[in-house]
Amino acid sequence: PRVALSATKGEKETVLKNIYNTYFLKEIKEILNLPEDYKLSKLINA
């Protein structure tokens, strides 16, 4: 929703990067007690 509400492409990309950084890289690992595992980031990229 926050992306859809964004007026410009630059704003959309910034919001998406924030979602990725806070939700995937930080929150999921914290709540699930996952270690700082670069392998998970490699997996999602692949």
All heavy atoms as atom14 arrays in JSON, in Angstrom:
{
  "sequence": "PRVALSATKGEKETVLKNIYNTYFLKEIKEILNLPEDYKLSKLINA",
  "atom14_mask": [
    [1, 1, 1, 1, 1, 1, 1, 0, 0, 0, 0, 0, 0, 0],
    [1, 1, 1, 1, 1, 1, 1, 1, 1, 1, 1, 0, 0, 0],
    [1, 1, 1, 1, 1, 1, 1, 0, 0, 0, 0, 0, 0, 0],
    [1, 1, 1, 1, 1, 0, 0, 0, 0, 0, 0, 0, 0, 0],
    [1, 1, 1, 1, 1, 1, 1, 1, 0, 0, 0, 0, 0, 0],
    [1, 1, 1, 1, 1, 1, 0, 0, 0, 0, 0, 0, 0, 0],
    [1, 1, 1, 1, 1, 0, 0, 0, 0, 0, 0, 0, 0, 0],
    [1, 1, 1, 1, 1, 1, 1, 0, 0, 0, 0, 0, 0, 0],
    [1, 1, 1, 1, 1, 1, 1, 1, 1, 0, 0, 0, 0, 0],
    [1, 1, 1, 1, 0, 0, 0, 0, 0, 0, 0, 0, 0, 0],
    [1, 1, 1, 1, 1, 1, 1, 1, 1, 0, 0, 0, 0, 0],
    [1, 1, 1, 1, 1, 1, 1, 1, 1, 0, 0, 0, 0, 0],
    [1, 1, 1, 1, 1, 1, 1, 1, 1, 0, 0, 0, 0, 0],
    [1, 1, 1, 1, 1, 1, 1, 0, 0, 0, 0, 0, 0, 0],
    [1, 1, 1, 1, 1, 1, 1, 0, 0, 0, 0, 0, 0, 0],
    [1, 1, 1, 1, 1, 1, 1, 1, 0, 0, 0, 0, 0, 0],
    [1, 1, 1, 1, 1, 1, 1, 1, 1, 0, 0, 0, 0, 0],
    [1, 1, 1, 1, 1, 1, 1, 1, 0, 0, 0, 0, 0, 0],
    [1, 1, 1, 1, 1, 1, 1, 1, 0, 0, 0, 0, 0, 0],
    [1, 1, 1, 1, 1, 1, 1, 1, 1, 1, 1, 1, 0, 0],
    [1, 1, 1, 1, 1, 1, 1, 1, 0, 0, 0, 0, 0, 0],
    [1, 1, 1, 1, 1, 1, 1, 0, 0, 0, 0, 0, 0, 0],
    [1, 1, 1, 1, 1, 1, 1, 1, 1, 1, 1, 1, 0, 0],
    [1, 1, 1, 1, 1, 1, 1, 1, 1, 1, 1, 0, 0, 0],
    [1, 1, 1, 1, 1, 1, 1, 1, 0, 0, 0, 0, 0, 0],
    [1, 1, 1, 1, 1, 1, 1, 1, 1, 0, 0, 0, 0, 0],
    [1, 1, 1, 1, 1, 1, 1, 1, 1, 0, 0, 0, 0, 0],
    [1, 1, 1, 1, 1, 1, 1, 1, 0, 0, 0, 0, 0, 0],
    [1, 1, 1, 1, 1, 1, 1, 1, 1, 0, 0, 0, 0, 0],
    [1, 1, 1, 1, 1, 1, 1, 1, 1, 0, 0, 0, 0, 0],
    [1, 1, 1, 1, 1, 1, 1, 1, 0, 0, 0, 0, 0, 0],
    [1, 1, 1, 1, 1, 1, 1, 1, 0, 0, 0, 0, 0, 0],
    [1, 1, 1, 1, 1, 1, 1, 1, 0, 0, 0, 0, 0, 0],
    [1, 1, 1, 1, 1, 1, 1, 1, 0, 0, 0, 0, 0, 0],
    [1, 1, 1, 1, 1, 1, 1, 0, 0, 0, 0, 0, 0, 0],
    [1, 1, 1, 1, 1, 1, 1, 1, 1, 0, 0, 0, 0, 0],
    [1, 1, 1, 1, 1, 1, 1, 1, 0, 0, 0, 0, 0, 0],
    [1, 1, 1, 1, 1, 1, 1, 1, 1, 1, 1, 1, 0, 0],
    [1, 1, 1, 1, 1, 1, 1, 1, 1, 0, 0, 0, 0, 0],
    [1, 1, 1, 1, 1, 1, 1, 1, 0, 0, 0, 0, 0, 0],
    [1, 1, 1, 1, 1, 1, 0, 0, 0, 0, 0, 0, 0, 0],
    [1, 1, 1, 1, 1, 1, 1, 1, 1, 0, 0, 0, 0, 0],
    [1, 1, 1, 1, 1, 1, 1, 1, 0, 0, 0, 0, 0, 0],
    [1, 1, 1, 1, 1, 1, 1, 1, 0, 0, 0, 0, 0, 0],
    [1, 1, 1, 1, 1, 1, 1, 1, 0, 0, 0, 0, 0, 0],
    [1, 1, 1, 1, 1, 0, 0, 0, 0, 0, 0, 0, 0, 0]
  ],
  "atom14_positions": [
    [[0.79, -1.23, 0.0], [0.0, 0.0, 0.0], [0.83, 1.28, 0.0], [0.52, 2.22, -0.74], [-0.83, -0.14, 1.29], [-1.02, -1.61, 1.44], [0.29, -2.21, 0.99], [0.0, 0.0, 0.0], [0.0, 0.0, 0.0], [0.0, 0.0, 0.0], [0.0, 0.0, 0.0], [0.0, 0.0, 0.0], [0.0, 0.0, 0.0], [0.0, 0.0, 0.0]],
    [[1.87, 1.32, 0.82], [2.69, 2.54, 0.88], [3.38, 2.81, -0.46], [3.6, 3.97, -0.83], [3.73, 2.4, 2.01], [4.65, 3.59, 2.17], [3.92, 4.83, 2.62], [4.84, 5.95, 2.76], [5.24, 6.71, 1.74], [4.78, 6.49, 0.53], [6.08, 7.71, 1.95], [0.0, 0.0, 0.0], [0.0, 0.0, 0.0], [0.0, 0.0, 0.0]],
    [[3.71, 1.76, -1.19], [4.3, 1.92, -2.52], [3.25, 2.46, -3.49], [3.52, 3.38, -4.27], [4.87, 0.58, -3.03], [5.43, 0.73, -4.45], [5.96, 0.06, -2.08], [0.0, 0.0, 0.0], [0.0, 0.0, 0.0], [0.0, 0.0, 0.0], [0.0, 0.0, 0.0], [0.0, 0.0, 0.0], [0.0, 0.0, 0.0], [0.0, 0.0, 0.0]],
    [[2.06, 1.88, -3.45], [0.99, 2.32, -4.33], [0.63, 3.79, -4.09], [0.27, 4.51, -5.03], [-0.25, 1.44, -4.14], [0.0, 0.0, 0.0], [0.0, 0.0, 0.0], [0.0, 0.0, 0.0], [0.0, 0.0, 0.0], [0.0, 0.0, 0.0], [0.0, 0.0, 0.0], [0.0, 0.0, 0.0], [0.0, 0.0, 0.0], [0.0, 0.0, 0.0]],
    [[0.73, 4.24, -2.85], [0.4, 5.62, -2.51], [1.5, 6.61, -2.86], [1.28, 7.82, -2.86], [0.08, 5.73, -1.01], [-1.19, 5.01, -0.54], [-1.24, 4.94, 0.98], [-2.44, 5.68, -1.08], [0.0, 0.0, 0.0], [0.0, 0.0, 0.0], [0.0, 0.0, 0.0], [0.0, 0.0, 0.0], [0.0, 0.0, 0.0], [0.0, 0.0, 0.0]],
    [[2.7, 6.11, -3.17], [3.83, 6.97, -3.5], [3.63, 7.63, -4.86], [3.19, 6.98, -5.81], [5.13, 6.18, -3.49], [5.38, 5.65, -2.2], [0.0, 0.0, 0.0], [0.0, 0.0, 0.0], [0.0, 0.0, 0.0], [0.0, 0.0, 0.0], [0.0, 0.0, 0.0], [0.0, 0.0, 0.0], [0.0, 0.0, 0.0], [0.0, 0.0, 0.0]],
    [[4.0, 8.9, -4.95], [3.71, 9.68, -6.15], [4.72, 9.48, -7.27], [4.38, 9.56, -8.45], [3.62, 11.16, -5.79], [0.0, 0.0, 0.0], [0.0, 0.0, 0.0], [0.0, 0.0, 0.0], [0.0, 0.0, 0.0], [0.0, 0.0, 0.0], [0.0, 0.0, 0.0], [0.0, 0.0, 0.0], [0.0, 0.0, 0.0], [0.0, 0.0, 0.0]],
    [[5.97, 9.2, -6.92], [7.02, 9.13, -7.94], [7.69, 7.76, -7.93], [7.64, 7.03, -6.93], [8.1, 10.2, -7.7], [8.8, 9.89, -6.48], [7.48, 11.58, -7.61], [0.0, 0.0, 0.0], [0.0, 0.0, 0.0], [0.0, 0.0, 0.0], [0.0, 0.0, 0.0], [0.0, 0.0, 0.0], [0.0, 0.0, 0.0], [0.0, 0.0, 0.0]],
    [[8.35, 7.43, -9.04], [9.07, 6.16, -9.12], [10.2, 6.11, -8.09], [10.45, 5.07, -7.48], [9.61, 5.96, -10.53], [8.51, 5.75, -11.57], [9.07, 5.58, -12.97], [7.95, 5.37, -13.98], [8.47, 5.21, -15.36], [0.0, 0.0, 0.0], [0.0, 0.0, 0.0], [0.0, 0.0, 0.0], [0.0, 0.0, 0.0], [0.0, 0.0, 0.0]],
    [[10.88, 7.24, -7.92], [11.96, 7.28, -6.94], [11.47, 7.0, -5.53], [12.12, 6.27, -4.77], [0.0, 0.0, 0.0], [0.0, 0.0, 0.0], [0.0, 0.0, 0.0], [0.0, 0.0, 0.0], [0.0, 0.0, 0.0], [0.0, 0.0, 0.0], [0.0, 0.0, 0.0], [0.0, 0.0, 0.0], [0.0, 0.0, 0.0], [0.0, 0.0, 0.0]],
    [[10.31, 7.55, -5.19], [9.73, 7.32, -3.86], [9.32, 5.86, -3.71], [9.54, 5.25, -2.65], [8.53, 8.22, -3.64], [7.96, 8.15, -2.23], [6.75, 9.05, -2.03], [6.44, 9.84, -2.93], [6.11, 8.93, -0.97], [0.0, 0.0, 0.0], [0.0, 0.0, 0.0], [0.0, 0.0, 0.0], [0.0, 0.0, 0.0], [0.0, 0.0, 0.0]],
    [[8.74, 5.28, -4.76], [8.35, 3.86, -4.72], [9.57, 2.98, -4.45], [9.52, 2.06, -3.63], [7.7, 3.45, -6.05], [6.33, 4.07, -6.31], [5.81, 3.64, -7.67], [4.57, 4.39, -8.08], [3.41, 4.14, -7.21], [0.0, 0.0, 0.0], [0.0, 0.0, 0.0], [0.0, 0.0, 0.0], [0.0, 0.0, 0.0], [0.0, 0.0, 0.0]],
    [[10.67, 3.25, -5.15], [11.87, 2.44, -4.97], [12.45, 2.59, -3.58], [12.9, 1.61, -2.97], [12.9, 2.83, -6.04], [12.48, 2.43, -7.44], [13.4, 2.98, -8.53], [14.56, 3.31, -8.21], [12.96, 3.08, -9.69], [0.0, 0.0, 0.0], [0.0, 0.0, 0.0], [0.0, 0.0, 0.0], [0.0, 0.0, 0.0], [0.0, 0.0, 0.0]],
    [[12.4, 3.81, -3.04], [12.9, 4.04, -1.68], [12.06, 3.27, -0.65], [12.6, 2.65, 0.27], [12.88, 5.55, -1.36], [13.73, 6.24, -2.27], [13.35, 5.8, 0.07], [0.0, 0.0, 0.0], [0.0, 0.0, 0.0], [0.0, 0.0, 0.0], [0.0, 0.0, 0.0], [0.0, 0.0, 0.0], [0.0, 0.0, 0.0], [0.0, 0.0, 0.0]],
    [[10.74, 3.3, -0.81], [9.85, 2.59, 0.12], [10.11, 1.08, 0.04], [10.2, 0.4, 1.06], [8.37, 2.9, -0.19], [7.46, 2.01, 0.64], [8.07, 4.36, 0.08], [0.0, 0.0, 0.0], [0.0, 0.0, 0.0], [0.0, 0.0, 0.0], [0.0, 0.0, 0.0], [0.0, 0.0, 0.0], [0.0, 0.0, 0.0], [0.0, 0.0, 0.0]],
    [[10.25, 0.55, -1.17], [10.51, -0.88, -1.33], [11.84, -1.29, -0.71], [11.94, -2.34, -0.06], [10.49, -1.25, -2.82], [9.09, -1.42, -3.43], [9.17, -1.44, -4.95], [8.43, -2.7, -2.92], [0.0, 0.0, 0.0], [0.0, 0.0, 0.0], [0.0, 0.0, 0.0], [0.0, 0.0, 0.0], [0.0, 0.0, 0.0], [0.0, 0.0, 0.0]],
    [[12.85, -0.48, -0.88], [14.15, -0.79, -0.28], [14.05, -0.78, 1.24], [14.67, -1.61, 1.92], [15.2, 0.22, -0.76], [15.6, 0.02, -2.22], [16.48, 1.17, -2.72], [16.74, 1.03, -4.21], [17.48, 2.21, -4.75], [0.0, 0.0, 0.0], [0.0, 0.0, 0.0], [0.0, 0.0, 0.0], [0.0, 0.0, 0.0], [0.0, 0.0, 0.0]],
    [[13.25, 0.14, 1.78], [13.05, 0.18, 3.22], [12.32, -1.07, 3.72], [12.68, -1.64, 4.76], [12.26, 1.43, 3.6], [12.06, 1.55, 5.1], [13.0, 1.65, 5.86], [10.8, 1.53, 5.52], [0.0, 0.0, 0.0], [0.0, 0.0, 0.0], [0.0, 0.0, 0.0], [0.0, 0.0, 0.0], [0.0, 0.0, 0.0], [0.0, 0.0, 0.0]],
    [[11.3, -1.51, 2.98], [10.58, -2.73, 3.35], [11.54, -3.92, 3.34], [11.56, -4.74, 4.26], [9.4, -2.98, 2.38], [8.31, -1.94, 2.59], [8.83, -4.39, 2.57], [7.21, -1.97, 1.55], [0.0, 0.0, 0.0], [0.0, 0.0, 0.0], [0.0, 0.0, 0.0], [0.0, 0.0, 0.0], [0.0, 0.0, 0.0], [0.0, 0.0, 0.0]],
    [[12.37, -4.0, 2.31], [13.33, -5.1, 2.2], [14.31, -5.07, 3.37], [14.58, -6.09, 4.01], [14.08, -5.01, 0.88], [15.16, -6.06, 0.71], [14.84, -7.38, 0.44], [16.5, -5.72, 0.84], [15.83, -8.34, 0.3], [17.5, -6.68, 0.7], [17.15, -7.99, 0.42], [18.13, -8.94, 0.29], [0.0, 0.0, 0.0], [0.0, 0.0, 0.0]],
    [[14.84, -3.9, 3.68], [15.86, -3.78, 4.72], [15.31, -4.03, 6.11], [15.98, -4.63, 6.96], [16.53, -2.41, 4.66], [17.43, -2.26, 3.45], [18.04, -3.23, 2.99], [17.52, -1.06, 2.9], [0.0, 0.0, 0.0], [0.0, 0.0, 0.0], [0.0, 0.0, 0.0], [0.0, 0.0, 0.0], [0.0, 0.0, 0.0], [0.0, 0.0, 0.0]],
    [[14.08, -3.54, 6.38], [13.54, -3.68, 7.73], [12.81, -5.0, 7.92], [12.94, -5.64, 8.97], [12.57, -2.53, 8.06], [11.51, -2.51, 7.1], [13.29, -1.2, 8.05], [0.0, 0.0, 0.0], [0.0, 0.0, 0.0], [0.0, 0.0, 0.0], [0.0, 0.0, 0.0], [0.0, 0.0, 0.0], [0.0, 0.0, 0.0], [0.0, 0.0, 0.0]],
    [[12.06, -5.42, 6.91], [11.25, -6.63, 7.09], [12.06, -7.89, 6.86], [12.09, -8.79, 7.7], [10.05, -6.61, 6.15], [9.15, -7.82, 6.31], [8.55, -8.09, 7.53], [8.95, -8.71, 5.26], [7.75, -9.2, 7.71], [8.14, -9.82, 5.42], [7.54, -10.06, 6.64], [6.76, -11.17, 6.81], [0.0, 0.0, 0.0], [0.0, 0.0, 0.0]],
    [[12.77, -7.96, 5.74], [13.5, -9.19, 5.44], [14.84, -9.25, 6.18], [15.12, -10.2, 6.9], [13.74, -9.33, 3.94], [14.62, -10.5, 3.6], [14.17, -11.79, 3.81], [15.9, -10.31, 3.12], [14.98, -12.88, 3.53], [16.71, -11.4, 2.83], [16.25, -12.68, 3.03], [0.0, 0.0, 0.0], [0.0, 0.0, 0.0], [0.0, 0.0, 0.0]],
    [[15.67, -8.24, 6.0], [17.03, -8.31, 6.54], [17.07, -8.22, 8.06], [17.99, -8.73, 8.69], [17.88, -7.2, 5.94], [18.15, -7.31, 4.42], [19.04, -6.16, 3.97], [18.8, -8.65, 4.07], [0.0, 0.0, 0.0], [0.0, 0.0, 0.0], [0.0, 0.0, 0.0], [0.0, 0.0, 0.0], [0.0, 0.0, 0.0], [0.0, 0.0, 0.0]],
    [[16.07, -7.58, 8.66], [16.13, -7.36, 10.11], [15.04, -8.12, 10.87], [15.32, -9.01, 11.66], [16.02, -5.85, 10.38], [16.16, -5.47, 11.86], [16.22, -3.94, 11.99], [16.42, -3.53, 13.44], [15.24, -3.74, 14.27], [0.0, 0.0, 0.0], [0.0, 0.0, 0.0], [0.0, 0.0, 0.0], [0.0, 0.0, 0.0], [0.0, 0.0, 0.0]],
    [[13.77, -7.79, 10.57], [12.7, -8.29, 11.43], [12.52, -9.79, 11.36], [12.36, -10.46, 12.39], [11.38, -7.59, 11.08], [10.24, -8.04, 11.98], [8.99, -7.22, 11.76], [9.09, -5.98, 11.7], [7.92, -7.82, 11.65], [0.0, 0.0, 0.0], [0.0, 0.0, 0.0], [0.0, 0.0, 0.0], [0.0, 0.0, 0.0], [0.0, 0.0, 0.0]],
    [[12.52, -10.36, 10.16], [12.31, -11.8, 10.04], [13.4, -12.56, 10.78], [13.13, -13.51, 11.51], [12.25, -12.22, 8.56], [10.93, -11.74, 7.95], [12.37, -13.73, 8.4], [10.79, -12.03, 6.47], [0.0, 0.0, 0.0], [0.0, 0.0, 0.0], [0.0, 0.0, 0.0], [0.0, 0.0, 0.0], [0.0, 0.0, 0.0], [0.0, 0.0, 0.0]],
    [[14.63, -12.12, 10.61], [15.73, -12.8, 11.28], [15.61, -12.68, 12.8], [15.9, -13.63, 13.53], [17.06, -12.22, 10.8], [17.41, -12.61, 9.37], [18.74, -12.03, 8.94], [19.08, -12.46, 7.52], [20.37, -11.91, 7.05], [0.0, 0.0, 0.0], [0.0, 0.0, 0.0], [0.0, 0.0, 0.0], [0.0, 0.0, 0.0], [0.0, 0.0, 0.0]],
    [[15.16, -11.52, 13.28], [15.03, -11.32, 14.73], [13.9, -12.16, 15.32], [14.08, -12.87, 16.31], [14.79, -9.83, 15.02], [16.03, -8.97, 14.89], [15.75, -7.52, 15.25], [14.6, -7.2, 15.6], [16.69, -6.71, 15.16], [0.0, 0.0, 0.0], [0.0, 0.0, 0.0], [0.0, 0.0, 0.0], [0.0, 0.0, 0.0], [0.0, 0.0, 0.0]],
    [[12.73, -12.08, 14.7], [11.57, -12.79, 15.26], [11.76, -14.3, 15.19], [11.36, -15.04, 16.09], [10.28, -12.36, 14.53], [9.96, -10.9, 14.87], [9.1, -13.24, 14.94], [8.76, -10.35, 14.15], [0.0, 0.0, 0.0], [0.0, 0.0, 0.0], [0.0, 0.0, 0.0], [0.0, 0.0, 0.0], [0.0, 0.0, 0.0], [0.0, 0.0, 0.0]],
    [[12.41, -14.77, 14.14], [12.59, -16.21, 13.98], [13.89, -16.71, 14.6], [14.24, -17.87, 14.48], [12.58, -16.57, 12.49], [11.27, -16.24, 11.76], [11.39, -16.55, 10.29], [10.11, -16.99, 12.36], [0.0, 0.0, 0.0], [0.0, 0.0, 0.0], [0.0, 0.0, 0.0], [0.0, 0.0, 0.0], [0.0, 0.0, 0.0], [0.0, 0.0, 0.0]],
    [[14.61, -15.79, 15.25], [15.88, -16.15, 15.89], [16.86, -16.77, 14.9], [17.58, -17.72, 15.21], [15.65, -17.12, 17.07], [14.9, -16.46, 18.2], [15.2, -15.33, 18.57], [13.9, -17.16, 18.72], [0.0, 0.0, 0.0], [0.0, 0.0, 0.0], [0.0, 0.0, 0.0], [0.0, 0.0, 0.0], [0.0, 0.0, 0.0], [0.0, 0.0, 0.0]],
    [[16.86, -16.22, 13.68], [17.82, -16.68, 12.69], [19.14, -15.95, 12.91], [19.17, -14.77, 13.23], [17.31, -16.39, 11.27], [16.07, -17.15, 10.82], [15.6, -16.62, 9.48], [16.36, -18.63, 10.72], [0.0, 0.0, 0.0], [0.0, 0.0, 0.0], [0.0, 0.0, 0.0], [0.0, 0.0, 0.0], [0.0, 0.0, 0.0], [0.0, 0.0, 0.0]],
    [[20.27, -16.63, 12.73], [21.55, -15.95, 12.85], [21.74, -14.97, 11.7], [21.03, -15.02, 10.7], [22.56, -17.1, 12.75], [21.85, -18.14, 11.96], [20.41, -18.05, 12.35], [0.0, 0.0, 0.0], [0.0, 0.0, 0.0], [0.0, 0.0, 0.0], [0.0, 0.0, 0.0], [0.0, 0.0, 0.0], [0.0, 0.0, 0.0], [0.0, 0.0, 0.0]],
    [[22.69, -14.08, 11.83], [23.01, -13.18, 10.72], [23.64, -14.04, 9.63], [24.86, -14.19, 9.55], [23.96, -12.07, 11.19], [23.27, -10.93, 11.89], [22.24, -10.25, 11.01], [22.52, -10.04, 9.8], [21.14, -9.95, 11.5], [0.0, 0.0, 0.0], [0.0, 0.0, 0.0], [0.0, 0.0, 0.0], [0.0, 0.0, 0.0], [0.0, 0.0, 0.0]],
    [[22.79, -14.6, 8.82], [23.21, -15.64, 7.87], [23.17, -15.08, 6.45], [22.1, -14.88, 5.88], [22.27, -16.84, 8.02], [22.74, -18.03, 7.19], [23.73, -17.88, 6.47], [22.09, -19.09, 7.29], [0.0, 0.0, 0.0], [0.0, 0.0, 0.0], [0.0, 0.0, 0.0], [0.0, 0.0, 0.0], [0.0, 0.0, 0.0], [0.0, 0.0, 0.0]],
    [[24.34, -14.79, 5.91], [24.39, -14.25, 4.55], [23.86, -15.27, 3.55], [23.45, -14.91, 2.44], [25.83, -13.87, 4.19], [26.76, -15.05, 3.98], [26.98, -15.54, 2.7], [27.4, -15.66, 5.05], [27.82, -16.64, 2.5], [28.23, -16.74, 4.86], [28.44, -17.23, 3.57], [29.25, -18.32, 3.38], [0.0, 0.0, 0.0], [0.0, 0.0, 0.0]],
    [[23.81, -16.55, 3.94], [23.32, -17.58, 3.03], [21.83, -17.37, 2.72], [21.38, -17.67, 1.61], [23.53, -18.97, 3.63], [24.99, -19.37, 3.73], [25.15, -20.76, 4.33], [26.62, -21.15, 4.44], [26.78, -22.5, 5.03], [0.0, 0.0, 0.0], [0.0, 0.0, 0.0], [0.0, 0.0, 0.0], [0.0, 0.0, 0.0], [0.0, 0.0, 0.0]],
    [[21.07, -16.85, 3.68], [19.65, -16.58, 3.44], [19.48, -15.48, 2.4], [18.62, -15.55, 1.52], [18.95, -16.21, 4.74], [17.43, -16.06, 4.67], [16.76, -17.37, 4.26], [16.87, -15.58, 6.01], [0.0, 0.0, 0.0], [0.0, 0.0, 0.0], [0.0, 0.0, 0.0], [0.0, 0.0, 0.0], [0.0, 0.0, 0.0], [0.0, 0.0, 0.0]],
    [[20.32, -14.45, 2.49], [20.27, -13.37, 1.5], [20.68, -13.88, 0.13], [20.09, -13.49, -0.89], [21.19, -12.22, 1.93], [20.76, -11.65, 3.14], [0.0, 0.0, 0.0], [0.0, 0.0, 0.0], [0.0, 0.0, 0.0], [0.0, 0.0, 0.0], [0.0, 0.0, 0.0], [0.0, 0.0, 0.0], [0.0, 0.0, 0.0], [0.0, 0.0, 0.0]],
    [[21.69, -14.74, 0.08], [22.1, -15.33, -1.19], [20.97, -16.16, -1.79], [20.74, -16.14, -3.0], [23.33, -16.23, -1.0], [24.65, -15.49, -0.99], [25.8, -16.5, -1.08], [27.12, -15.78, -1.35], [28.22, -16.74, -1.56], [0.0, 0.0, 0.0], [0.0, 0.0, 0.0], [0.0, 0.0, 0.0], [0.0, 0.0, 0.0], [0.0, 0.0, 0.0]],
    [[20.26, -16.87, -0.94], [19.16, -17.72, -1.41], [18.05, -16.89, -2.01], [17.55, -17.22, -3.1], [18.62, -18.56, -0.25], [17.38, -19.41, -0.56], [17.68, -20.42, -1.66], [16.88, -20.12, 0.7], [0.0, 0.0, 0.0], [0.0, 0.0, 0.0], [0.0, 0.0, 0.0], [0.0, 0.0, 0.0], [0.0, 0.0, 0.0], [0.0, 0.0, 0.0]],
    [[17.65, -15.82, -1.34], [16.54, -15.03, -1.86], [16.93, -14.36, -3.18], [16.1, -14.22, -4.09], [16.03, -14.01, -0.82], [14.64, -13.52, -1.23], [16.96, -12.85, -0.65], [13.96, -12.68, -0.18], [0.0, 0.0, 0.0], [0.0, 0.0, 0.0], [0.0, 0.0, 0.0], [0.0, 0.0, 0.0], [0.0, 0.0, 0.0], [0.0, 0.0, 0.0]],
    [[18.19, -13.98, -3.32], [18.65, -13.43, -4.59], [18.59, -14.46, -5.7], [18.16, -14.16, -6.82], [20.08, -12.89, -4.43], [20.13, -11.49, -3.87], [20.04, -10.51, -4.6], [20.25, -11.39, -2.56], [0.0, 0.0, 0.0], [0.0, 0.0, 0.0], [0.0, 0.0, 0.0], [0.0, 0.0, 0.0], [0.0, 0.0, 0.0], [0.0, 0.0, 0.0]],
    [[19.02, -15.67, -5.39], [18.99, -16.74, -6.4], [17.56, -17.09, -6.79], [17.26, -17.29, -7.98], [19.72, -17.97, -5.87], [0.0, 0.0, 0.0], [0.0, 0.0, 0.0], [0.0, 0.0, 0.0], [0.0, 0.0, 0.0], [0.0, 0.0, 0.0], [0.0, 0.0, 0.0], [0.0, 0.0, 0.0], [0.0, 0.0, 0.0], [0.0, 0.0, 0.0]]
  ]
}
